[in-house]
Protein backbone atom coordinates (compact mmCIF):
# COMPACT_ATOMS: atom_id res chain seq x y z
CA MET A 1 -9.54 103.57 362.00
CA ARG A 2 -11.20 101.48 364.77
CA ASP A 3 -14.15 101.49 362.65
CA SER A 4 -12.39 100.68 359.76
CA LEU A 5 -10.88 97.76 361.59
CA ARG A 6 -14.72 96.48 363.10
CA CYS A 7 -13.06 96.65 366.61
CA ARG A 8 -13.67 97.53 369.79
CA ARG A 9 -10.84 99.25 369.67
CA ALA A 10 -7.72 100.99 369.01
CA LEU A 11 -4.50 101.91 370.74
CA ILE A 12 -1.10 103.23 369.82
CA CYS A 13 1.57 103.25 372.12
CA LEU A 14 5.11 104.81 371.82
CA GLU A 15 8.50 104.96 372.93
CA ASP A 16 7.84 108.14 374.67
CA GLY A 17 5.45 107.29 376.71
CA SER A 18 2.57 108.74 374.95
CA VAL A 19 -0.84 106.44 374.48
CA HIS A 20 -3.32 107.76 371.94
CA GLY A 21 -6.76 105.63 371.92
CA GLY A 22 -6.49 105.42 376.09
CA ALA A 23 -5.58 106.65 379.02
CA PRO A 24 -1.88 107.06 379.58
CA ASP A 25 -2.17 104.20 382.23
CA GLU A 26 -3.39 101.82 379.68
CA GLY A 27 -0.01 101.60 377.59
CA VAL A 28 1.77 98.44 377.03
CA ALA A 29 5.17 97.94 378.09
CA PRO A 30 7.83 98.14 375.50
CA GLU A 31 8.83 94.58 376.01
CA LEU A 32 5.35 93.31 374.68
CA TRP A 33 5.48 94.87 371.57
CA PRO A 34 6.21 92.28 368.45
CA GLY A 35 8.57 92.50 366.39
CA THR A 36 5.83 91.52 363.48
CA VAL A 37 2.25 91.12 363.01
CA THR A 38 0.58 89.25 365.76
CA VAL A 39 -2.74 88.14 365.32
CA ILE A 40 -4.20 86.10 368.85
CA ALA A 41 -7.74 85.11 367.72
CA ASP A 42 -8.86 83.78 371.23
CA ALA A 43 -7.09 85.56 373.61
CA LYS A 44 -8.52 84.30 376.81
CA ALA A 45 -7.18 80.94 375.67
CA SER A 46 -3.63 82.03 374.55
CA ASP A 47 -0.40 82.18 376.68
CA GLN A 48 1.24 85.05 374.71
CA PRO A 49 2.19 87.84 377.20
CA LEU A 50 0.77 90.71 374.75
CA ALA A 51 -2.95 88.86 375.40
CA ALA A 52 -2.86 89.42 379.12
CA ALA A 53 -1.80 92.87 378.76
CA PHE A 54 -5.50 93.06 377.53
CA PRO A 55 -7.70 91.28 380.20
CA ASP A 56 -11.46 92.04 379.21
CA ALA A 57 -10.42 90.91 375.68
CA GLU A 58 -11.51 88.19 373.91
CA PHE A 59 -9.44 89.32 369.99
CA VAL A 60 -6.08 91.01 370.04
CA ALA A 61 -3.92 92.11 366.90
CA ALA A 62 -1.00 94.16 366.86
CA VAL A 63 1.16 95.44 364.38
CA PRO A 64 4.72 97.16 365.08
CA ILE A 65 5.29 101.15 364.31
CA THR A 66 9.36 101.35 363.46
CA ARG A 67 11.66 103.89 363.18
CA ASP A 68 15.57 103.90 361.39
CA ARG A 69 14.30 100.40 361.63
CA ALA A 70 13.93 99.81 364.86
CA VAL A 71 10.24 99.16 366.97
CA ALA A 72 9.44 102.34 368.23
CA GLY A 73 5.94 101.67 369.14
CA MET A 74 2.84 99.40 368.97
CA LEU A 75 -0.53 99.36 366.95
CA CYS A 76 -2.75 97.41 368.54
CA VAL A 77 -6.94 96.40 368.22
CA THR A 78 -9.03 94.37 370.44
CA ASP A 79 -12.49 93.03 370.33
CA ALA A 80 -14.52 91.60 372.97
CA ALA A 81 -15.19 88.33 371.40
CA PRO A 82 -13.02 86.25 370.04
CA ARG A 83 -12.46 86.40 365.90
CA LEU A 84 -11.30 84.05 363.13
CA HIS A 85 -7.62 84.85 361.58
CA ASP A 86 -8.88 87.74 359.16
CA PRO A 87 -6.55 88.41 355.89
CA GLU A 88 -8.04 91.50 355.31
CA LEU A 89 -7.96 92.80 358.81
CA VAL A 90 -4.18 91.52 359.00
CA GLY A 91 -3.57 93.94 355.70
CA LEU A 92 -5.57 96.63 356.90
CA LEU A 93 -3.77 96.63 360.34
CA THR A 94 -0.30 96.58 358.43
CA ARG A 95 -1.35 99.30 356.25
CA PHE A 96 -2.41 101.64 359.16
CA GLY A 97 1.28 100.62 361.20
CA HIS A 98 3.19 101.63 358.01
CA LEU A 99 1.23 104.93 357.91
CA ALA A 100 2.38 105.28 361.38
CA SER A 101 5.43 104.43 360.98
CA LEU A 102 6.31 107.04 358.20
CA HIS A 103 4.41 109.71 360.12
CA LEU A 104 6.78 108.56 363.46
CA GLN A 105 10.17 108.68 360.84
CA ARG A 106 9.30 111.97 359.67
CA GLY A 107 8.74 113.71 362.70
CA ALA A 108 11.94 112.02 363.68
CA ASP A 109 13.59 113.35 360.63
CA ALA A 110 11.68 116.64 360.79
CA ASP A 111 13.58 116.63 364.59
CA LEU A 112 16.74 115.66 363.09
CA PHE A 113 17.06 117.94 360.82
CA ARG A 114 16.21 120.77 363.13
CA VAL A 115 19.15 119.86 365.27
CA VAL A 116 21.39 119.62 362.41
CA ALA A 117 20.22 122.90 361.18
CA GLU A 118 20.41 124.96 364.97
CA ASN A 119 23.84 123.38 365.66
CA SER A 120 25.59 123.26 362.04
CA ALA A 121 28.48 125.86 361.37
CA ASP A 122 27.20 126.08 358.30
CA THR A 123 23.79 128.03 357.49
CA LEU A 124 20.99 126.06 355.86
CA ILE A 125 18.61 128.00 353.53
CA ARG A 126 15.51 126.68 351.88
CA GLY A 127 14.05 129.07 348.87
CA SER A 128 11.52 129.08 345.91
CA LEU A 129 12.55 128.87 342.55
CA ASP A 130 11.93 132.38 342.26
CA GLY A 131 14.75 133.12 344.41
CA VAL A 132 12.93 133.79 347.59
CA ARG A 133 14.39 132.56 351.12
CA ARG A 134 11.67 130.08 352.80
CA TYR A 135 13.88 128.52 355.62
CA VAL A 136 16.91 130.22 357.01
CA SER A 137 18.66 128.30 359.53
CA PRO A 138 19.93 130.30 362.88
CA SER A 139 23.31 130.20 362.46
CA ILE A 140 23.15 133.14 359.55
CA ARG A 141 23.09 135.23 363.22
CA THR A 142 26.67 134.07 363.20
CA LEU A 143 27.61 134.43 359.35
CA LEU A 144 26.00 137.59 358.68
CA GLY A 145 24.88 139.19 361.50
CA TYR A 146 20.37 138.79 360.83
CA GLU A 147 18.11 136.92 362.85
CA ALA A 148 16.89 134.05 360.38
CA HIS A 149 13.29 135.34 360.18
CA GLU A 150 14.99 138.88 359.33
CA LEU A 151 15.87 137.02 356.03
CA VAL A 152 13.20 134.93 354.95
CA GLY A 153 10.88 136.41 352.18
CA LEU A 154 13.95 138.00 350.74
CA ARG A 155 16.14 137.09 347.43
CA ALA A 156 19.77 136.45 348.16
CA ARG A 157 20.45 138.81 345.35
CA ASP A 158 19.32 141.63 347.03
CA ASN A 159 22.44 141.60 349.53
CA VAL A 160 25.30 140.28 346.82
CA HIS A 161 28.07 142.88 346.34
CA PRO A 162 27.38 145.24 343.08
CA ASP A 163 30.95 143.57 341.98
CA ASP A 164 29.74 140.06 342.55
CA LEU A 165 25.99 140.51 341.13
CA ASP A 166 25.85 139.93 337.77
CA GLU A 167 27.11 136.50 338.06
CA PHE A 168 25.17 135.15 340.81
CA ALA A 169 21.65 136.53 339.26
CA ALA A 170 23.18 134.73 335.94
CA GLN A 171 23.37 131.80 337.65
CA MET A 172 20.19 131.81 340.06
CA ALA A 173 18.23 133.11 336.67
CA ALA A 174 19.80 129.29 335.22
CA LEU A 175 18.69 127.13 338.44
CA GLY A 176 14.89 129.33 338.53
CA ASP A 177 14.43 128.16 334.37
CA GLY A 178 15.67 124.68 334.98
CA ARG A 179 19.23 124.91 332.73
CA ILE A 180 21.07 123.87 335.70
CA ASP A 181 20.17 121.92 338.59
CA THR A 182 23.17 122.86 341.07
CA PHE A 183 25.84 125.28 340.77
CA THR A 184 28.52 126.52 343.72
CA THR A 185 29.00 130.14 344.20
CA GLU A 186 31.87 132.16 345.65
CA HIS A 187 30.64 136.25 346.34
CA ARG A 188 30.33 138.60 348.84
CA GLN A 189 27.09 139.24 351.11
CA ARG A 190 26.45 142.05 353.66
CA HIS A 191 26.64 142.10 356.92
CA LYS A 192 24.24 143.56 359.19
CA ASP A 193 26.84 145.74 360.34
CA GLY A 194 27.45 147.09 356.85
CA TYR A 195 30.70 145.21 355.52
CA TRP A 196 31.10 142.23 353.50
CA VAL A 197 31.68 138.84 353.92
CA TRP A 198 32.96 136.47 351.57
CA LEU A 199 30.74 132.64 351.17
CA GLU A 200 31.01 129.97 349.69
CA ALA A 201 27.22 128.26 348.91
CA PHE A 202 26.69 125.05 347.63
CA VAL A 203 23.25 125.27 345.69
CA ARG A 204 21.07 122.26 344.84
CA VAL A 205 17.60 122.05 343.14
CA THR A 206 15.07 119.98 345.21
CA CYS A 207 11.78 118.01 343.63
CA ASP A 208 8.40 117.01 345.07
CA GLU A 209 8.73 113.45 346.17
CA ALA A 210 5.21 112.42 344.57
CA THR A 211 5.50 114.40 341.51
CA GLY A 212 9.32 115.03 340.55
CA GLU A 213 8.54 118.38 339.49
CA ARG A 214 11.07 121.19 340.46
CA ASP A 215 9.98 122.91 344.06
CA GLY A 216 13.00 125.19 345.14
CA TYR A 217 16.55 124.66 345.93
CA VAL A 218 18.75 124.08 349.24
CA VAL A 219 22.00 126.10 350.04
CA SER A 220 24.46 125.04 352.58
CA VAL A 221 26.58 128.94 353.04
CA ARG A 222 29.83 128.88 354.58
CA ASP A 223 32.02 131.63 355.55
CA THR A 224 35.81 131.71 353.26
CA SER A 225 36.57 135.34 354.84
CA ARG A 226 39.77 133.99 356.22
CA ARG A 227 40.72 132.18 353.06
CA LYS A 228 40.18 134.99 350.67
CA GLU A 229 42.25 136.84 353.26
CA LEU A 230 45.14 133.77 353.17
CA GLU A 231 45.00 134.15 349.32
CA THR A 232 45.09 137.79 348.88
CA GLN A 233 48.00 138.14 350.99
CA LEU A 234 49.72 135.17 349.06
CA VAL A 235 49.05 136.45 345.85
CA HIS A 236 50.51 139.91 347.56
CA ASN A 237 53.48 137.77 348.77
CA ALA A 238 54.41 136.55 345.34
CA PHE A 239 54.34 140.16 343.79
CA HIS A 240 55.96 142.68 346.96
CA ASP A 241 59.11 142.32 348.57
CA MET A 242 58.57 140.91 352.00
CA LEU A 243 61.04 143.68 353.97
CA THR A 244 60.12 146.82 352.59
CA GLY A 245 56.41 146.09 350.90
CA LEU A 246 57.28 147.40 347.40
CA PRO A 247 56.42 145.66 344.46
CA ASN A 248 59.12 143.06 343.33
CA ARG A 249 61.05 141.89 340.30
CA ALA A 250 58.13 139.71 339.34
CA LEU A 251 55.54 142.98 339.40
CA LEU A 252 58.17 145.18 338.05
CA TYR A 253 58.38 143.10 334.90
CA GLU A 254 54.78 142.92 334.53
CA ARG A 255 54.11 146.43 334.74
CA LEU A 256 56.58 147.24 332.43
CA ALA A 257 55.37 144.79 329.73
CA GLN A 258 52.06 146.57 330.33
CA GLU A 259 53.71 149.91 330.06
CA ILE A 260 55.58 148.72 326.63
CA ASP A 261 52.27 147.26 325.28
CA ARG A 262 50.64 150.54 325.88
CA GLY A 263 52.41 152.48 323.68
CA GLY A 264 53.24 155.69 325.00
CA GLU A 265 56.10 157.48 326.39
CA PHE A 266 57.80 156.86 329.90
CA ALA A 267 61.12 156.36 331.49
CA VAL A 268 62.55 153.47 333.92
CA LEU A 269 64.84 154.80 336.74
CA CYS A 270 67.54 152.35 338.16
CA LEU A 271 68.58 153.34 341.02
CA ASP A 272 71.63 151.74 343.44
CA LEU A 273 72.54 153.10 347.05
CA ASP A 274 75.70 154.59 347.80
CA GLY A 275 77.58 153.79 351.01
CA PHE A 276 75.33 150.75 352.00
CA LYS A 277 77.81 148.13 351.62
CA SER A 278 79.84 149.56 354.69
CA VAL A 279 76.84 150.37 356.34
CA ASN A 280 75.43 146.53 356.13
CA ASP A 281 79.07 145.04 356.94
CA GLU A 282 79.55 146.87 359.62
CA LEU A 283 76.51 147.69 361.54
CA GLY A 284 74.70 144.30 360.55
CA HIS A 285 71.94 143.29 358.65
CA ALA A 286 69.40 144.58 360.92
CA VAL A 287 70.91 147.78 360.52
CA GLY A 288 71.13 147.27 356.87
CA ASP A 289 67.53 146.21 356.83
CA SER A 290 66.25 149.20 358.43
CA VAL A 291 67.96 151.26 356.01
CA LEU A 292 66.51 149.76 352.72
CA VAL A 293 62.78 150.56 354.48
CA SER A 294 63.35 153.88 355.09
CA VAL A 295 65.17 154.43 352.10
CA GLY A 296 61.94 152.76 350.32
CA GLU A 297 59.71 154.98 352.15
CA ARG A 298 61.41 158.12 350.99
CA LEU A 299 61.14 157.08 347.31
CA LEU A 300 57.37 156.37 347.67
CA SER A 301 56.99 160.21 348.84
CA CYS A 302 58.68 161.43 345.76
CA VAL A 303 56.38 159.70 343.44
CA ASP A 304 53.08 159.75 342.33
CA ARG A 305 50.22 157.49 340.76
CA PRO A 306 50.67 155.82 338.11
CA ASP A 307 54.46 155.63 339.14
CA MET A 308 56.08 152.55 340.32
CA VAL A 309 58.67 151.85 342.59
CA SER A 310 59.76 148.16 342.95
CA ARG A 311 62.72 146.57 344.93
CA ARG A 312 64.83 144.92 341.97
CA GLY A 313 67.16 142.89 345.05
CA GLY A 314 69.63 144.03 347.08
CA ASP A 315 70.06 147.87 347.66
CA GLU A 316 68.55 148.07 343.82
CA PHE A 317 65.40 149.52 343.14
CA VAL A 318 63.66 150.72 340.53
CA ILE A 319 60.65 153.40 339.28
CA ILE A 320 58.70 153.26 336.41
CA HIS A 321 57.69 156.46 335.52
CA VAL A 322 54.51 157.68 333.62
CA PRO A 323 54.66 161.63 333.64
CA ASP A 324 51.76 163.83 332.29
CA ARG A 325 54.86 165.98 330.60
CA ALA A 326 57.68 165.78 328.87
CA VAL A 327 59.56 162.62 329.75
CA SER A 328 62.96 163.14 329.76
CA ALA A 329 62.35 166.68 331.84
CA SER A 330 60.14 164.75 334.45
CA ALA A 331 62.34 162.10 335.05
CA GLU A 332 65.56 164.01 335.99
CA ALA A 333 63.34 166.17 338.30
CA LEU A 334 62.08 163.17 340.28
CA ALA A 335 65.80 161.54 339.83
CA GLN A 336 66.88 164.94 341.46
CA ARG A 337 64.33 165.04 344.24
CA LEU A 338 65.02 161.17 344.97
CA ILE A 339 68.37 161.82 345.65
CA ASP A 340 67.75 164.81 347.79
CA ALA A 341 65.28 162.69 349.80
CA VAL A 342 67.63 159.65 350.75
CA ALA A 343 70.13 162.49 350.95
CA SER A 344 68.90 163.80 354.07
CA PRO A 345 70.51 162.26 357.11
CA LEU A 346 69.53 158.77 358.86
CA ALA A 347 69.19 157.59 362.51
CA ILE A 348 68.44 153.81 363.12
CA ALA A 349 69.90 151.76 365.97
CA GLY A 350 72.27 154.36 367.53
CA TRP A 351 73.82 154.65 364.43
CA SER A 352 73.16 158.26 362.31
CA GLY A 353 74.21 158.90 358.92
CA THR A 354 73.77 159.34 354.95
CA ILE A 355 73.40 157.63 352.30
CA GLY A 356 74.02 158.65 348.68
CA LEU A 357 72.14 157.45 345.30
CA SER A 358 72.96 156.88 341.88
CA ILE A 359 70.61 156.75 339.28
CA GLY A 360 70.62 155.70 335.49
CA ILE A 361 67.31 156.83 333.26
CA ALA A 362 66.14 155.35 330.02
CA VAL A 363 63.33 156.88 328.37
CA VAL A 364 60.61 154.81 326.62
CA SER A 365 59.47 155.62 323.17
CA GLY A 366 56.23 153.77 321.79
CA SER A 367 58.88 151.82 319.35
CA SER A 368 60.31 150.05 322.57
CA ARG A 369 59.38 146.50 322.85
CA ASP A 370 62.05 145.07 324.97
CA GLY A 371 61.61 145.38 328.86
CA GLU A 372 65.11 144.23 328.95
CA ALA A 373 66.62 146.05 326.75
CA VAL A 374 65.48 148.77 328.46
CA LEU A 375 66.47 147.79 332.07
CA ARG A 376 69.98 147.41 330.39
CA ALA A 377 69.91 150.72 329.24
CA ALA A 378 69.40 152.15 332.36
CA ASP A 379 71.63 149.94 334.66
CA GLU A 380 74.41 151.05 331.90
CA ALA A 381 73.44 155.03 332.90
CA MET A 382 73.63 154.30 336.47
CA TYR A 383 76.89 152.40 336.42
CA SER A 384 78.32 155.08 334.36
CA VAL A 385 77.22 157.55 337.31
CA LYS A 386 79.12 155.21 339.80
CA ALA A 387 82.11 155.44 337.61
CA ALA A 388 82.16 159.35 337.40
CA GLY A 389 81.54 159.48 341.65
CA ARG A 390 78.56 158.15 342.66
CA ASN A 391 75.57 160.34 343.71
CA GLY A 392 74.09 161.31 340.55
CA TYR A 393 71.90 160.72 337.86
CA ARG A 394 72.21 159.82 333.42
CA THR A 395 69.58 159.55 331.15
CA ALA A 396 71.04 156.79 328.79
CA GLY A 397 72.47 158.10 325.45
CA THR A 398 73.30 161.29 327.00
CA GLY A 399 76.83 162.66 327.95
CA GLU A 400 78.19 164.43 331.09
CA VAL A 401 76.85 162.84 334.75
CA PRO A 402 75.67 165.76 336.62
CA HIS A 403 76.15 165.23 340.09
CA VAL A 404 73.71 166.75 342.52
CA ARG A 405 75.72 166.33 345.85
CA ARG A 406 79.47 166.79 347.06
CA ARG A 407 79.13 165.52 350.56
CA PRO A 408 81.13 162.27 350.53
CA VAL A 409 79.33 159.15 351.16
CA GLY A 410 80.67 155.20 351.62
CA ASP A 411 81.62 152.60 349.26
CA THR A 412 79.07 150.42 347.40
């Protein structure tokens, strides 16, 4: 640089106190740094403060070095003899000052990026267009348990959950061959300890500043496991009874429609507790709720997959029974098991007693298309059991109600 400027000496002073081109004690105080290009053709005759900083120089010229639009240093050249104002020299000095400013700015930007990347709650990743990670920020340790260097050189797809892989791989392929420049994805990646973590990633292509050619991608990744848990819980709550945890009316109707569309034979059992009303009225809702929970557990213990036990509301339950043998006989055998299970004495909060069960059964053939009609038929059969003395079962369309217990139960 000194030779290009045809000067005896070139000096760079920066705000960190460093001096390039001279000894540390030869630095110029920041208050003397110019805000614009400054040329002192005859330094000995000048009263400018900058000239006094170079007592042996006859010629002084300086240009500011900037960072973030503020003066952060100075590039200065001196000579032992006075010189006329030289536009060529001024132009060269200005260009060198600009290059020094660019260098300083890039260093500052790199430092800023490092601070952001290392302290960001999100994980930042830089990758090549073939999907290989070239940089991973340290926060990956919190996200997936790996040190950053353990994932550099590897592809993200190698760590993606099998159920999410096809969609993610297709998006990365489209990014790599230029069909898309950005996408957002939510998928699971394996934690170093072996479990799966839900992630949301914002992926964008980068381009070379000089050529404009696509040269890789950057991605910001965050943990969405907690949000996924909440979403799963909300969906579960929408289709399950909050007290018993059983499927609710909405899921009952959905499953009933599915079984009807499937076209096979199955049975619907509508259950109503006998004696529950007196327990609820006399002992309070807390005991009543505990009874409902206990009954729900007993009902579940009597069925196998793919049967579904649901709570329709109050003390009413509905079971969709899909047996692998004769439907009518299997449904009646199940009804008997249900009544026997519920009949076992209950002991809750100092109260002990028994609850009965009235059950109506509707057998659904492949020609049935109306879920409401099926439920109505099972309900009517159940109410006929109530009218005949409770605590039994009946299949819709048949005659006498078989009573399976003689022990009296309370009012409904």
